[in-house]
Amino acid sequence: MTLLTVALALVPLIPILRDIPRWVPIHRLIWRRYYSPHARRTAG
């Protein structure tokens, strides 16, 4: 369990693993609705 924790803590320091979100933009699908112009008007 300690090795897994250390590996996850070092992910931001490993260049290839750090760039995966740029290559696979899943976060855009998740947050698309939140950042849409219509959602901004109705949220506030």
PDB file of N, CA and C in Angstrom:
ATOM      1  N   MET A   1       0.820  -1.184   0.000  1.00  0.00           N
ATOM      2  CA  MET A   1       0.000   0.000   0.000  1.00  0.00           C
ATOM      3  C   MET A   1       0.868   1.254   0.000  1.00  0.00           C
ATOM      4  N   THR A   2       1.985   1.184   0.677  1.00  0.00           N
ATOM      5  CA  THR A   2       2.902   2.318   0.712  1.00  0.00           C
ATOM      6  C   THR A   2       3.477   2.595  -0.673  1.00  0.00           C
ATOM      7  N   LEU A   3       3.817   1.536  -1.385  1.00  0.00           N
ATOM      8  CA  LEU A   3       4.365   1.719  -2.738  1.00  0.00           C
ATOM      9  C   LEU A   3       3.331   2.354  -3.663  1.00  0.00           C
ATOM     10  N   LEU A   4       2.092   1.961  -3.545  1.00  0.00           N
ATOM     11  CA  LEU A   4       1.036   2.542  -4.364  1.00  0.00           C
ATOM     12  C   LEU A   4       0.851   4.023  -4.037  1.00  0.00           C
ATOM     13  N   THR A   5       0.895   4.361  -2.769  1.00  0.00           N
ATOM     14  CA  THR A   5       0.761   5.756  -2.360  1.00  0.00           C
ATOM     15  C   THR A   5       1.910   6.600  -2.896  1.00  0.00           C
ATOM     16  N   VAL A   6       3.115   6.090  -2.809  1.00  0.00           N
ATOM     17  CA  VAL A   6       4.279   6.816  -3.331  1.00  0.00           C
ATOM     18  C   VAL A   6       4.181   6.960  -4.841  1.00  0.00           C
ATOM     19  N   ALA A   7       3.762   5.918  -5.528  1.00  0.00           N
ATOM     20  CA  ALA A   7       3.627   5.992  -6.985  1.00  0.00           C
ATOM     21  C   ALA A   7       2.597   7.041  -7.386  1.00  0.00           C
ATOM     22  N   LEU A   8       1.470   7.083  -6.699  1.00  0.00           N
ATOM     23  CA  LEU A   8       0.450   8.085  -7.014  1.00  0.00           C
ATOM     24  C   LEU A   8       0.921   9.498  -6.671  1.00  0.00           C
ATOM     25  N   ALA A   9       1.705   9.635  -5.638  1.00  0.00           N
ATOM     26  CA  ALA A   9       2.226  10.949  -5.260  1.00  0.00           C
ATOM     27  C   ALA A   9       3.241  11.453  -6.273  1.00  0.00           C
ATOM     28  N   LEU A  10       3.930  10.551  -6.946  1.00  0.00           N
ATOM     29  CA  LEU A  10       4.962  10.944  -7.915  1.00  0.00           C
ATOM     30  C   LEU A  10       4.427  11.133  -9.333  1.00  0.00           C
ATOM     31  N   VAL A  11       3.158  10.857  -9.575  1.00  0.00           N
ATOM     32  CA  VAL A  11       2.589  10.995 -10.920  1.00  0.00           C
ATOM     33  C   VAL A  11       2.825  12.388 -11.518  1.00  0.00           C
ATOM     34  N   PRO A  12       2.643  13.486 -10.781  1.00  0.00           N
ATOM     35  CA  PRO A  12       2.878  14.800 -11.390  1.00  0.00           C
ATOM     36  C   PRO A  12       4.330  15.037 -11.797  1.00  0.00           C
ATOM     37  N   LEU A  13       5.248  14.266 -11.273  1.00  0.00           N
ATOM     38  CA  LEU A  13       6.663  14.457 -11.580  1.00  0.00           C
ATOM     39  C   LEU A  13       7.139  13.610 -12.755  1.00  0.00           C
ATOM     40  N   ILE A  14       6.335  12.662 -13.199  1.00  0.00           N
ATOM     41  CA  ILE A  14       6.704  11.789 -14.319  1.00  0.00           C
ATOM     42  C   ILE A  14       6.135  12.398 -15.596  1.00  0.00           C
ATOM     43  N   PRO A  15       7.001  12.838 -16.527  1.00  0.00           N
ATOM     44  CA  PRO A  15       6.537  13.601 -17.689  1.00  0.00           C
ATOM     45  C   PRO A  15       5.468  12.905 -18.540  1.00  0.00           C
ATOM     46  N   ILE A  16       5.603  11.642 -18.815  1.00  0.00           N
ATOM     47  CA  ILE A  16       4.637  10.958 -19.686  1.00  0.00           C
ATOM     48  C   ILE A  16       3.268  10.857 -18.999  1.00  0.00           C
ATOM     49  N   LEU A  17       3.261  10.501 -17.732  1.00  0.00           N
ATOM     50  CA  LEU A  17       1.995  10.397 -17.015  1.00  0.00           C
ATOM     51  C   LEU A  17       1.358  11.762 -16.783  1.00  0.00           C
ATOM     52  N   ARG A  18       2.169  12.776 -16.646  1.00  0.00           N
ATOM     53  CA  ARG A  18       1.663  14.129 -16.427  1.00  0.00           C
ATOM     54  C   ARG A  18       0.938  14.664 -17.661  1.00  0.00           C
ATOM     55  N   ASP A  19       1.320  14.191 -18.852  1.00  0.00           N
ATOM     56  CA  ASP A  19       0.738  14.690 -20.100  1.00  0.00           C
ATOM     57  C   ASP A  19      -0.498  13.929 -20.558  1.00  0.00           C
ATOM     58  N   ILE A  20      -0.871  12.862 -19.894  1.00  0.00           N
ATOM     59  CA  ILE A  20      -2.023  12.061 -20.323  1.00  0.00           C
ATOM     60  C   ILE A  20      -3.311  12.879 -20.381  1.00  0.00           C
ATOM     61  N   PRO A  21      -3.632  13.738 -19.411  1.00  0.00           N
ATOM     62  CA  PRO A  21      -4.869  14.529 -19.526  1.00  0.00           C
ATOM     63  C   PRO A  21      -4.896  15.424 -20.760  1.00  0.00           C
ATOM     64  N   ARG A  22      -3.753  15.871 -21.226  1.00  0.00           N
ATOM     65  CA  ARG A  22      -3.703  16.676 -22.443  1.00  0.00           C
ATOM     66  C   ARG A  22      -4.026  15.838 -23.673  1.00  0.00           C
ATOM     67  N   TRP A  23      -3.618  14.579 -23.659  1.00  0.00           N
ATOM     68  CA  TRP A  23      -3.848  13.698 -24.807  1.00  0.00           C
ATOM     69  C   TRP A  23      -5.272  13.154 -24.814  1.00  0.00           C
ATOM     70  N   VAL A  24      -5.837  12.894 -23.648  1.00  0.00           N
ATOM     71  CA  VAL A  24      -7.175  12.323 -23.522  1.00  0.00           C
ATOM     72  C   VAL A  24      -8.031  13.307 -22.722  1.00  0.00           C
ATOM     73  N   PRO A  25      -8.688  14.236 -23.403  1.00  0.00           N
ATOM     74  CA  PRO A  25      -9.398  15.302 -22.688  1.00  0.00           C
ATOM     75  C   PRO A  25     -10.764  14.873 -22.137  1.00  0.00           C
ATOM     76  N   ILE A  26     -10.761  13.885 -21.259  1.00  0.00           N
ATOM     77  CA  ILE A  26     -12.015  13.420 -20.664  1.00  0.00           C
ATOM     78  C   ILE A  26     -12.624  14.503 -19.781  1.00  0.00           C
ATOM     79  N   HIS A  27     -11.784  15.314 -19.145  1.00  0.00           N
ATOM     80  CA  HIS A  27     -12.308  16.356 -18.255  1.00  0.00           C
ATOM     81  C   HIS A  27     -13.187  17.348 -19.006  1.00  0.00           C
ATOM     82  N   ARG A  28     -12.945  17.529 -20.295  1.00  0.00           N
ATOM     83  CA  ARG A  28     -13.790  18.442 -21.074  1.00  0.00           C
ATOM     84  C   ARG A  28     -15.203  17.896 -21.213  1.00  0.00           C
ATOM     85  N   LEU A  29     -15.332  16.589 -21.345  1.00  0.00           N
ATOM     86  CA  LEU A  29     -16.666  15.996 -21.430  1.00  0.00           C
ATOM     87  C   LEU A  29     -17.404  16.138 -20.102  1.00  0.00           C
ATOM     88  N   ILE A  30     -16.681  15.986 -19.012  1.00  0.00           N
ATOM     89  CA  ILE A  30     -17.304  16.047 -17.697  1.00  0.00           C
ATOM     90  C   ILE A  30     -17.738  17.473 -17.376  1.00  0.00           C
ATOM     91  N   TRP A  31     -16.895  18.464 -17.662  1.00  0.00           N
ATOM     92  CA  TRP A  31     -17.150  19.845 -17.263  1.00  0.00           C
ATOM     93  C   TRP A  31     -17.808  20.672 -18.357  1.00  0.00           C
ATOM     94  N   ARG A  32     -18.132  20.083 -19.510  1.00  0.00           N
ATOM     95  CA  ARG A  32     -18.712  20.840 -20.628  1.00  0.00           C
ATOM     96  C   ARG A  32     -20.000  21.553 -20.232  1.00  0.00           C
ATOM     97  N   ARG A  33     -20.858  20.850 -19.523  1.00  0.00           N
ATOM     98  CA  ARG A  33     -22.140  21.420 -19.139  1.00  0.00           C
ATOM     99  C   ARG A  33     -21.967  22.564 -18.122  1.00  0.00           C
ATOM    100  N   TYR A  34     -21.024  22.412 -17.236  1.00  0.00           N
ATOM    101  CA  TYR A  34     -20.789  23.430 -16.210  1.00  0.00           C
ATOM    102  C   TYR A  34     -20.303  24.735 -16.822  1.00  0.00           C
ATOM    103  N   TYR A  35     -19.441  24.647 -17.833  1.00  0.00           N
ATOM    104  CA  TYR A  35     -18.867  25.844 -18.435  1.00  0.00           C
ATOM    105  C   TYR A  35     -19.646  26.366 -19.633  1.00  0.00           C
ATOM    106  N   SER A  36     -20.763  25.757 -19.957  1.00  0.00           N
ATOM    107  CA  SER A  36     -21.552  26.244 -21.088  1.00  0.00           C
ATOM    108  C   SER A  36     -22.151  27.607 -20.741  1.00  0.00           C
ATOM    109  N   PRO A  37     -22.334  28.473 -21.724  1.00  0.00           N
ATOM    110  CA  PRO A  37     -22.876  29.812 -21.451  1.00  0.00           C
ATOM    111  C   PRO A  37     -24.266  29.770 -20.807  1.00  0.00           C
ATOM    112  N   HIS A  38     -25.098  28.837 -21.222  1.00  0.00           N
ATOM    113  CA  HIS A  38     -26.446  28.728 -20.664  1.00  0.00           C
ATOM    114  C   HIS A  38     -26.398  28.359 -19.178  1.00  0.00           C
ATOM    115  N   ALA A  39     -25.505  27.459 -18.817  1.00  0.00           N
ATOM    116  CA  ALA A  39     -25.406  27.020 -17.428  1.00  0.00           C
ATOM    117  C   ALA A  39     -24.942  28.159 -16.532  1.00  0.00           C
ATOM    118  N   ARG A  40     -24.093  29.034 -17.050  1.00  0.00           N
ATOM    119  CA  ARG A  40     -23.617  30.160 -16.256  1.00  0.00           C
ATOM    120  C   ARG A  40     -24.748  31.115 -15.914  1.00  0.00           C
ATOM    121  N   ARG A  41     -25.616  31.368 -16.887  1.00  0.00           N
ATOM    122  CA  ARG A  41     -26.727  32.308 -16.659  1.00  0.00           C
ATOM    123  C   ARG A  41     -27.717  31.763 -15.634  1.00  0.00           C
ATOM    124  N   THR A  42     -27.999  30.455 -15.709  1.00  0.00           N
ATOM    125  CA  THR A  42     -28.998  29.882 -14.802  1.00  0.00           C
ATOM    126  C   THR A  42     -28.419  29.602 -13.424  1.00  0.00           C
ATOM    127  N   ALA A  43     -27.108  29.416 -13.319  1.00  0.00           N
ATOM    128  CA  ALA A  43     -26.505  29.093 -12.025  1.00  0.00           C
ATOM    129  C   ALA A  43     -26.456  30.318 -11.119  1.00  0.00           C
ATOM    130  N   GLY A  44     -26.304  31.501 -11.676  1.00  0.00           N
ATOM    131  CA  GLY A  44     -26.128  32.665 -10.825  1.00  0.00           C
ATOM    132  C   GLY A  44     -27.359  33.439 -10.714  1.00  0.00           C
TER     133      GLY A  44
END
